Amino acid sequence: MSHQNASVKSIIFALSANFGIAITKTVAAVITGSGAMLAESIHSFADCGNQGLLFLGLKASKKNPDYEHPLGYGKAIYFWSFIVALMLFSMGGLFSIYEGIHKFHSTEDVKSPLIAIVVLSVSLVLEGASLWGCITQINKVKNKQSLWQWVKSTRQSELVVVFGEDIAALFGLFFALVAVILSYVTGNPVYDSIGSIVIGVLLVFVSIFIAAKVKGLLIGQSADETVRLEIKTLLEARPEIESILNLITLQLGAQIMVATKAKMAKAESIEQVMKNINTCEKELKKAFPEVQWVFFEPDIEN
């Protein structure tokens, strides 16, 4: 549950910052006529919509299991995270590239560039605060891993999406600021168009990275290696078990399914073996509250 709390807080940080930034950028884009600024405003509105979809995904993932979905709805968050990646690619990346190409041959100077510079500078500060809030929440769940190790191994797709969006937004704002300043100093509006194209390419790359990350979870991915090894170590240490023959885990949103084949210690009766299995399942769920389903198969060989 602490993992989901971290995700909710990060989404709230990002949504609050992006909504304010989106309104401000839109006003500035209308006043200045800047293509890079317009690309950034569309990017921020898309981010607001994306965070709304992540909230929807988190809510859907909490639905109780039913007859048609016996393992619950935990993977719903992966579906919505993938949709967010597609939106970031289309509404963010492709639109920004189109806008830049469309204005590439424009001879109209950027109007009121100082307004754009101020807005982008303030937006950089707000977006930085959003990223700081996201990293703060990540630090609560990544343990001793580096940030990059966490990104590669985490099963929290929604937190990866927010982190990726914040990184893309910061770099996008920086490129937009550089583009507006260059257009203002040189009097050449082509830099504004180039800024919009660069922002679009950045968003496309980030969206592809997020989609690739979520794809593995959507298809079906195990719990991360650390958790899997901890589960195996706990079971192997149980006096009721002689050895673990096979262990499979499946990440289902915030929940985990465990299927194991084990050689049980000698017991006086079949009834005692069943009681020993029940004890192992109970202790496993006690040690790992995220484990919701355990399928235990006693056997004598792999």
Protein backbone atom coordinates (compact mmCIF):
# COMPACT_ATOMS: atom_id res chain seq x y z
CA MET A 1 0.00 0.00 0.00
CA SER A 2 2.93 2.34 0.69
CA HIS A 3 3.93 1.86 -2.96
CA GLN A 4 0.50 3.04 -4.14
CA ASN A 5 0.60 5.98 -1.72
CA ALA A 6 3.91 7.04 -3.25
CA SER A 7 2.36 6.82 -6.73
CA VAL A 8 -0.71 8.87 -5.75
CA LYS A 9 1.40 11.62 -4.17
CA SER A 10 3.67 11.80 -7.23
CA ILE A 11 0.68 12.05 -9.58
CA ILE A 12 -0.87 14.82 -7.45
CA PHE A 13 2.42 16.78 -7.48
CA ALA A 14 2.66 16.46 -11.26
CA LEU A 15 -1.02 17.25 -11.93
CA SER A 16 -0.96 20.38 -9.76
CA ALA A 17 2.19 21.72 -11.39
CA ASN A 18 1.18 20.85 -14.96
CA PHE A 19 -2.29 22.37 -14.80
CA GLY A 20 -0.97 25.73 -13.64
CA ILE A 21 1.87 25.60 -16.15
CA ALA A 22 -0.47 24.63 -19.02
CA ILE A 23 -2.76 27.63 -18.48
CA THR A 24 0.18 30.02 -18.21
CA LYS A 25 1.89 28.62 -21.31
CA THR A 26 -1.29 28.85 -23.37
CA VAL A 27 -1.78 32.52 -22.55
CA ALA A 28 1.87 33.19 -23.32
CA ALA A 29 1.69 31.23 -26.60
CA VAL A 30 -1.30 33.32 -27.77
CA ILE A 31 0.45 36.57 -26.85
CA THR A 32 3.86 35.70 -28.32
CA GLY A 33 2.88 33.50 -31.26
CA SER A 34 5.74 31.17 -30.33
CA GLY A 35 5.57 27.68 -31.85
CA ALA A 36 7.85 26.27 -29.15
CA MET A 37 5.63 27.81 -26.49
CA LEU A 38 2.51 26.35 -28.12
CA ALA A 39 4.19 22.94 -28.27
CA GLU A 40 4.99 23.23 -24.58
CA SER A 41 1.40 24.23 -23.67
CA ILE A 42 0.00 21.23 -25.58
CA HIS A 43 2.59 19.05 -23.83
CA SER A 44 1.45 20.30 -20.41
CA PHE A 45 -2.26 19.79 -21.17
CA ALA A 46 -1.47 16.29 -22.45
CA ASP A 47 0.40 15.62 -19.20
CA CYS A 48 -2.66 16.71 -17.19
CA GLY A 49 -4.82 14.28 -19.15
CA ASN A 50 -2.21 11.57 -18.68
CA GLN A 51 -2.20 11.99 -14.92
CA GLY A 52 -5.98 11.76 -14.92
CA LEU A 53 -5.68 8.44 -16.77
CA LEU A 54 -3.15 7.19 -14.21
CA PHE A 55 -5.61 7.98 -11.41
CA LEU A 56 -8.24 6.05 -13.36
CA GLY A 57 -5.83 3.14 -13.70
CA LEU A 58 -5.00 3.10 -9.98
CA LYS A 59 -8.70 3.09 -9.11
CA ALA A 60 -9.47 0.29 -11.57
CA SER A 61 -6.58 -1.81 -10.24
CA LYS A 62 -8.14 -1.86 -6.77
CA LYS A 63 -11.32 -3.65 -7.88
CA ASN A 64 -11.92 -6.96 -6.15
CA PRO A 65 -11.42 -10.24 -8.04
CA ASP A 66 -14.52 -11.70 -9.63
CA TYR A 67 -15.52 -14.79 -11.63
CA GLU A 68 -14.09 -13.49 -14.92
CA HIS A 69 -10.98 -11.96 -13.33
CA PRO A 70 -10.01 -14.36 -10.54
CA LEU A 71 -6.60 -12.74 -10.09
CA GLY A 72 -8.08 -9.27 -9.78
CA TYR A 73 -7.66 -6.12 -11.84
CA GLY A 74 -4.17 -5.08 -10.74
CA LYS A 75 -2.79 -5.05 -14.29
CA ALA A 76 -5.30 -2.34 -15.28
CA ILE A 77 -2.69 0.24 -14.24
CA TYR A 78 -0.34 -1.19 -16.89
CA PHE A 79 -2.97 -0.75 -19.59
CA TRP A 80 -3.58 2.89 -18.70
CA SER A 81 0.16 3.55 -18.39
CA PHE A 82 0.56 2.22 -21.94
CA ILE A 83 -2.25 4.50 -23.14
CA VAL A 84 -0.44 7.42 -21.51
CA ALA A 85 2.72 6.52 -23.44
CA LEU A 86 0.71 6.54 -26.69
CA MET A 87 -0.80 9.94 -25.85
CA LEU A 88 2.63 11.34 -25.02
CA PHE A 89 3.83 10.06 -28.40
CA SER A 90 0.91 11.40 -30.45
CA MET A 91 -0.49 14.48 -28.69
CA GLY A 92 2.86 15.54 -27.32
CA GLY A 93 5.65 14.38 -29.61
CA LEU A 94 4.08 14.24 -33.06
CA PHE A 95 2.09 17.46 -32.60
CA SER A 96 5.22 19.35 -31.52
CA ILE A 97 7.15 18.07 -34.55
CA TYR A 98 4.26 19.00 -36.85
CA GLU A 99 4.02 22.49 -35.35
CA GLY A 100 7.75 23.03 -35.76
CA ILE A 101 7.75 21.90 -39.40
CA HIS A 102 4.60 23.93 -40.12
CA LYS A 103 6.24 27.13 -38.86
CA PHE A 104 9.70 26.36 -40.23
CA HIS A 105 9.31 28.70 -43.21
CA SER A 106 7.47 31.38 -41.22
CA THR A 107 8.95 34.86 -41.37
CA GLU A 108 6.86 36.18 -38.48
CA ASP A 109 8.95 37.11 -35.46
CA VAL A 110 8.09 35.90 -31.98
CA LYS A 111 6.01 38.64 -30.32
CA SER A 112 6.66 39.77 -26.72
CA PRO A 113 9.56 37.33 -26.24
CA LEU A 114 10.22 38.60 -22.72
CA ILE A 115 6.82 37.25 -21.65
CA ALA A 116 7.74 33.86 -23.07
CA ILE A 117 11.11 33.90 -21.30
CA VAL A 118 9.52 34.76 -17.94
CA VAL A 119 6.80 32.13 -18.31
CA LEU A 120 9.26 29.42 -19.32
CA SER A 121 11.60 30.32 -16.46
CA VAL A 122 8.78 30.12 -13.90
CA SER A 123 7.59 26.86 -15.48
CA LEU A 124 11.09 25.42 -15.11
CA VAL A 125 10.96 26.11 -11.38
CA LEU A 126 7.49 24.56 -11.00
CA GLU A 127 8.37 21.53 -13.08
CA GLY A 128 11.55 21.12 -11.08
CA ALA A 129 9.46 21.09 -7.91
CA SER A 130 7.22 18.41 -9.44
CA LEU A 131 10.25 16.28 -10.34
CA TRP A 132 11.67 16.75 -6.84
CA GLY A 133 8.35 15.54 -5.38
CA CYS A 134 8.40 12.50 -7.67
CA ILE A 135 12.00 11.60 -6.78
CA THR A 136 11.17 12.02 -3.07
CA GLN A 137 8.42 9.41 -3.42
CA ILE A 138 10.69 7.12 -5.47
CA ASN A 139 13.33 7.29 -2.72
CA LYS A 140 10.77 5.87 -0.29
CA VAL A 141 10.36 2.67 -2.32
CA LYS A 142 13.63 2.10 -4.18
CA ASN A 143 15.60 1.01 -1.08
CA LYS A 144 19.36 0.97 -1.82
CA GLN A 145 19.06 0.92 -5.60
CA SER A 146 20.34 3.75 -7.75
CA LEU A 147 17.69 5.75 -9.59
CA TRP A 148 18.56 4.09 -12.92
CA GLN A 149 18.52 0.61 -11.36
CA TRP A 150 15.09 1.36 -9.92
CA VAL A 151 13.77 2.55 -13.30
CA LYS A 152 14.95 -0.68 -14.95
CA SER A 153 13.64 -3.05 -12.27
CA THR A 154 10.55 -1.39 -10.79
CA ARG A 155 7.08 -2.80 -11.41
CA GLN A 156 5.36 0.55 -10.60
CA SER A 157 4.54 1.67 -14.13
CA GLU A 158 2.58 4.73 -12.99
CA LEU A 159 5.57 6.08 -11.06
CA VAL A 160 7.85 5.50 -14.06
CA VAL A 161 5.39 7.41 -16.26
CA VAL A 162 5.30 10.42 -13.94
CA PHE A 163 9.09 10.39 -13.63
CA GLY A 164 9.52 10.16 -17.41
CA GLU A 165 7.00 12.96 -18.01
CA ASP A 166 8.73 15.24 -15.51
CA ILE A 167 12.15 14.63 -17.06
CA ALA A 168 10.77 15.26 -20.56
CA ALA A 169 8.98 18.41 -19.37
CA LEU A 170 12.13 19.86 -17.79
CA PHE A 171 14.25 19.28 -20.89
CA GLY A 172 11.40 20.48 -23.09
CA LEU A 173 11.14 23.73 -21.16
CA PHE A 174 14.89 24.21 -21.39
CA PHE A 175 14.90 23.71 -25.17
CA ALA A 176 11.89 26.05 -25.55
CA LEU A 177 13.65 28.71 -23.47
CA VAL A 178 16.83 28.43 -25.54
CA ALA A 179 14.78 28.58 -28.76
CA VAL A 180 12.89 31.72 -27.73
CA ILE A 181 16.07 33.45 -26.55
CA LEU A 182 17.90 32.63 -29.81
CA SER A 183 14.93 33.86 -31.87
CA TYR A 184 14.88 37.08 -29.82
CA VAL A 185 18.64 37.72 -29.99
CA THR A 186 19.11 36.84 -33.67
CA GLY A 187 15.75 38.04 -34.94
CA ASN A 188 15.43 34.72 -36.77
CA PRO A 189 12.17 32.83 -35.99
CA VAL A 190 13.60 29.59 -37.38
CA TYR A 191 15.10 28.85 -33.97
CA ASP A 192 11.60 28.79 -32.49
CA SER A 193 10.59 26.17 -35.06
CA ILE A 194 13.70 24.11 -34.37
CA GLY A 195 12.90 24.28 -30.63
CA SER A 196 9.44 22.87 -31.27
CA ILE A 197 10.87 20.00 -33.37
CA VAL A 198 13.51 19.17 -30.73
CA ILE A 199 10.82 19.09 -28.02
CA GLY A 200 8.73 16.76 -30.18
CA VAL A 201 11.64 14.37 -30.80
CA LEU A 202 12.39 14.34 -27.05
CA LEU A 203 8.78 13.43 -26.24
CA VAL A 204 8.76 10.69 -28.85
CA PHE A 205 11.89 9.11 -27.35
CA VAL A 206 10.49 9.30 -23.80
CA SER A 207 7.15 7.83 -24.87
CA ILE A 208 8.88 4.92 -26.65
CA PHE A 209 10.97 4.23 -23.54
CA ILE A 210 7.87 4.23 -21.30
CA ALA A 211 5.92 2.03 -23.75
CA ALA A 212 8.77 -0.50 -23.88
CA LYS A 213 8.95 -0.55 -20.08
CA VAL A 214 5.19 -1.03 -19.65
CA LYS A 215 5.00 -3.63 -22.44
CA GLY A 216 6.81 -6.23 -20.31
CA LEU A 217 4.46 -5.66 -17.39
CA LEU A 218 1.40 -5.75 -19.62
CA ILE A 219 2.40 -9.08 -21.15
CA GLY A 220 3.20 -10.57 -17.74
CA GLN A 221 6.35 -10.03 -15.70
CA SER A 222 7.62 -11.59 -12.50
CA ALA A 223 8.08 -9.73 -9.25
CA ASP A 224 11.46 -8.00 -9.24
CA GLU A 225 14.45 -10.23 -8.57
CA THR A 226 15.03 -8.95 -5.02
CA VAL A 227 11.49 -9.77 -3.92
CA ARG A 228 11.59 -13.14 -5.68
CA LEU A 229 14.81 -14.13 -3.91
CA GLU A 230 13.43 -12.98 -0.55
CA ILE A 231 10.32 -15.12 -1.08
CA LYS A 232 12.45 -18.12 -2.02
CA THR A 233 14.75 -17.61 0.97
CA LEU A 234 11.79 -17.43 3.37
CA LEU A 235 10.24 -20.64 2.01
CA GLU A 236 13.54 -22.53 2.02
CA ALA A 237 14.06 -21.56 5.66
CA ARG A 238 10.71 -23.04 6.72
CA PRO A 239 11.09 -26.33 8.67
CA GLU A 240 8.05 -27.72 6.82
CA ILE A 241 9.93 -27.56 3.49
CA GLU A 242 12.91 -29.69 2.52
CA SER A 243 13.66 -27.84 -0.72
CA ILE A 244 12.08 -25.54 -3.32
CA LEU A 245 11.87 -27.28 -6.68
CA ASN A 246 10.37 -24.40 -8.65
CA LEU A 247 9.12 -20.90 -7.92
CA ILE A 248 7.12 -18.60 -10.20
CA THR A 249 5.98 -15.08 -9.36
CA LEU A 250 3.73 -12.77 -11.37
CA GLN A 251 3.37 -9.04 -10.76
CA LEU A 252 -0.25 -7.90 -10.92
CA GLY A 253 -0.13 -4.18 -10.28
CA ALA A 254 0.54 -3.71 -6.57
CA GLN A 255 -0.15 -7.40 -5.92
CA ILE A 256 1.86 -10.56 -6.50
CA MET A 257 0.90 -14.12 -7.34
CA VAL A 258 3.23 -16.92 -6.18
CA ALA A 259 3.22 -20.48 -7.52
CA THR A 260 5.70 -22.93 -6.04
CA LYS A 261 6.56 -26.61 -6.27
CA ALA A 262 8.26 -27.85 -3.11
CA LYS A 263 9.61 -31.06 -1.65
CA MET A 264 8.00 -31.16 1.79
CA ALA A 265 9.66 -32.40 4.97
CA LYS A 266 8.55 -35.83 6.17
CA ALA A 267 5.24 -35.81 8.03
CA GLU A 268 3.13 -38.38 9.84
CA SER A 269 0.17 -38.09 7.49
CA ILE A 270 -1.24 -36.39 4.41
CA GLU A 271 -3.33 -34.23 6.72
CA GLN A 272 -0.15 -32.99 8.42
CA VAL A 273 1.42 -32.18 5.04
CA MET A 274 -1.63 -30.09 4.17
CA LYS A 275 -1.41 -28.27 7.50
CA ASN A 276 2.28 -27.59 6.87
CA ILE A 277 1.48 -26.13 3.46
CA ASN A 278 -1.20 -23.90 4.98
CA THR A 279 1.30 -22.71 7.59
CA CYS A 280 3.84 -21.84 4.88
CA GLU A 281 1.23 -19.91 2.90
CA LYS A 282 0.14 -18.01 6.01
CA GLU A 283 3.71 -17.05 6.95
CA LEU A 284 4.49 -16.03 3.37
CA LYS A 285 1.54 -13.65 3.21
CA LYS A 286 2.41 -12.31 6.65
CA ALA A 287 5.97 -11.49 5.56
CA PHE A 288 4.89 -10.18 2.12
CA PRO A 289 1.48 -8.43 2.37
CA GLU A 290 1.58 -7.76 -1.39
CA VAL A 291 1.33 -11.52 -2.03
CA GLN A 292 -2.40 -12.11 -2.57
CA TRP A 293 -2.41 -15.54 -4.22
CA VAL A 294 -0.30 -18.60 -3.39
CA PHE A 295 -0.49 -21.86 -5.34
CA PHE A 296 1.43 -24.59 -3.53
CA GLU A 297 2.26 -27.95 -5.14
CA PRO A 298 4.01 -30.61 -3.03
CA ASP A 299 6.21 -32.90 -5.09
CA ILE A 300 9.36 -35.01 -4.95
CA GLU A 301 11.06 -33.90 -8.18
CA ASN A 302 11.23 -30.86 -10.43
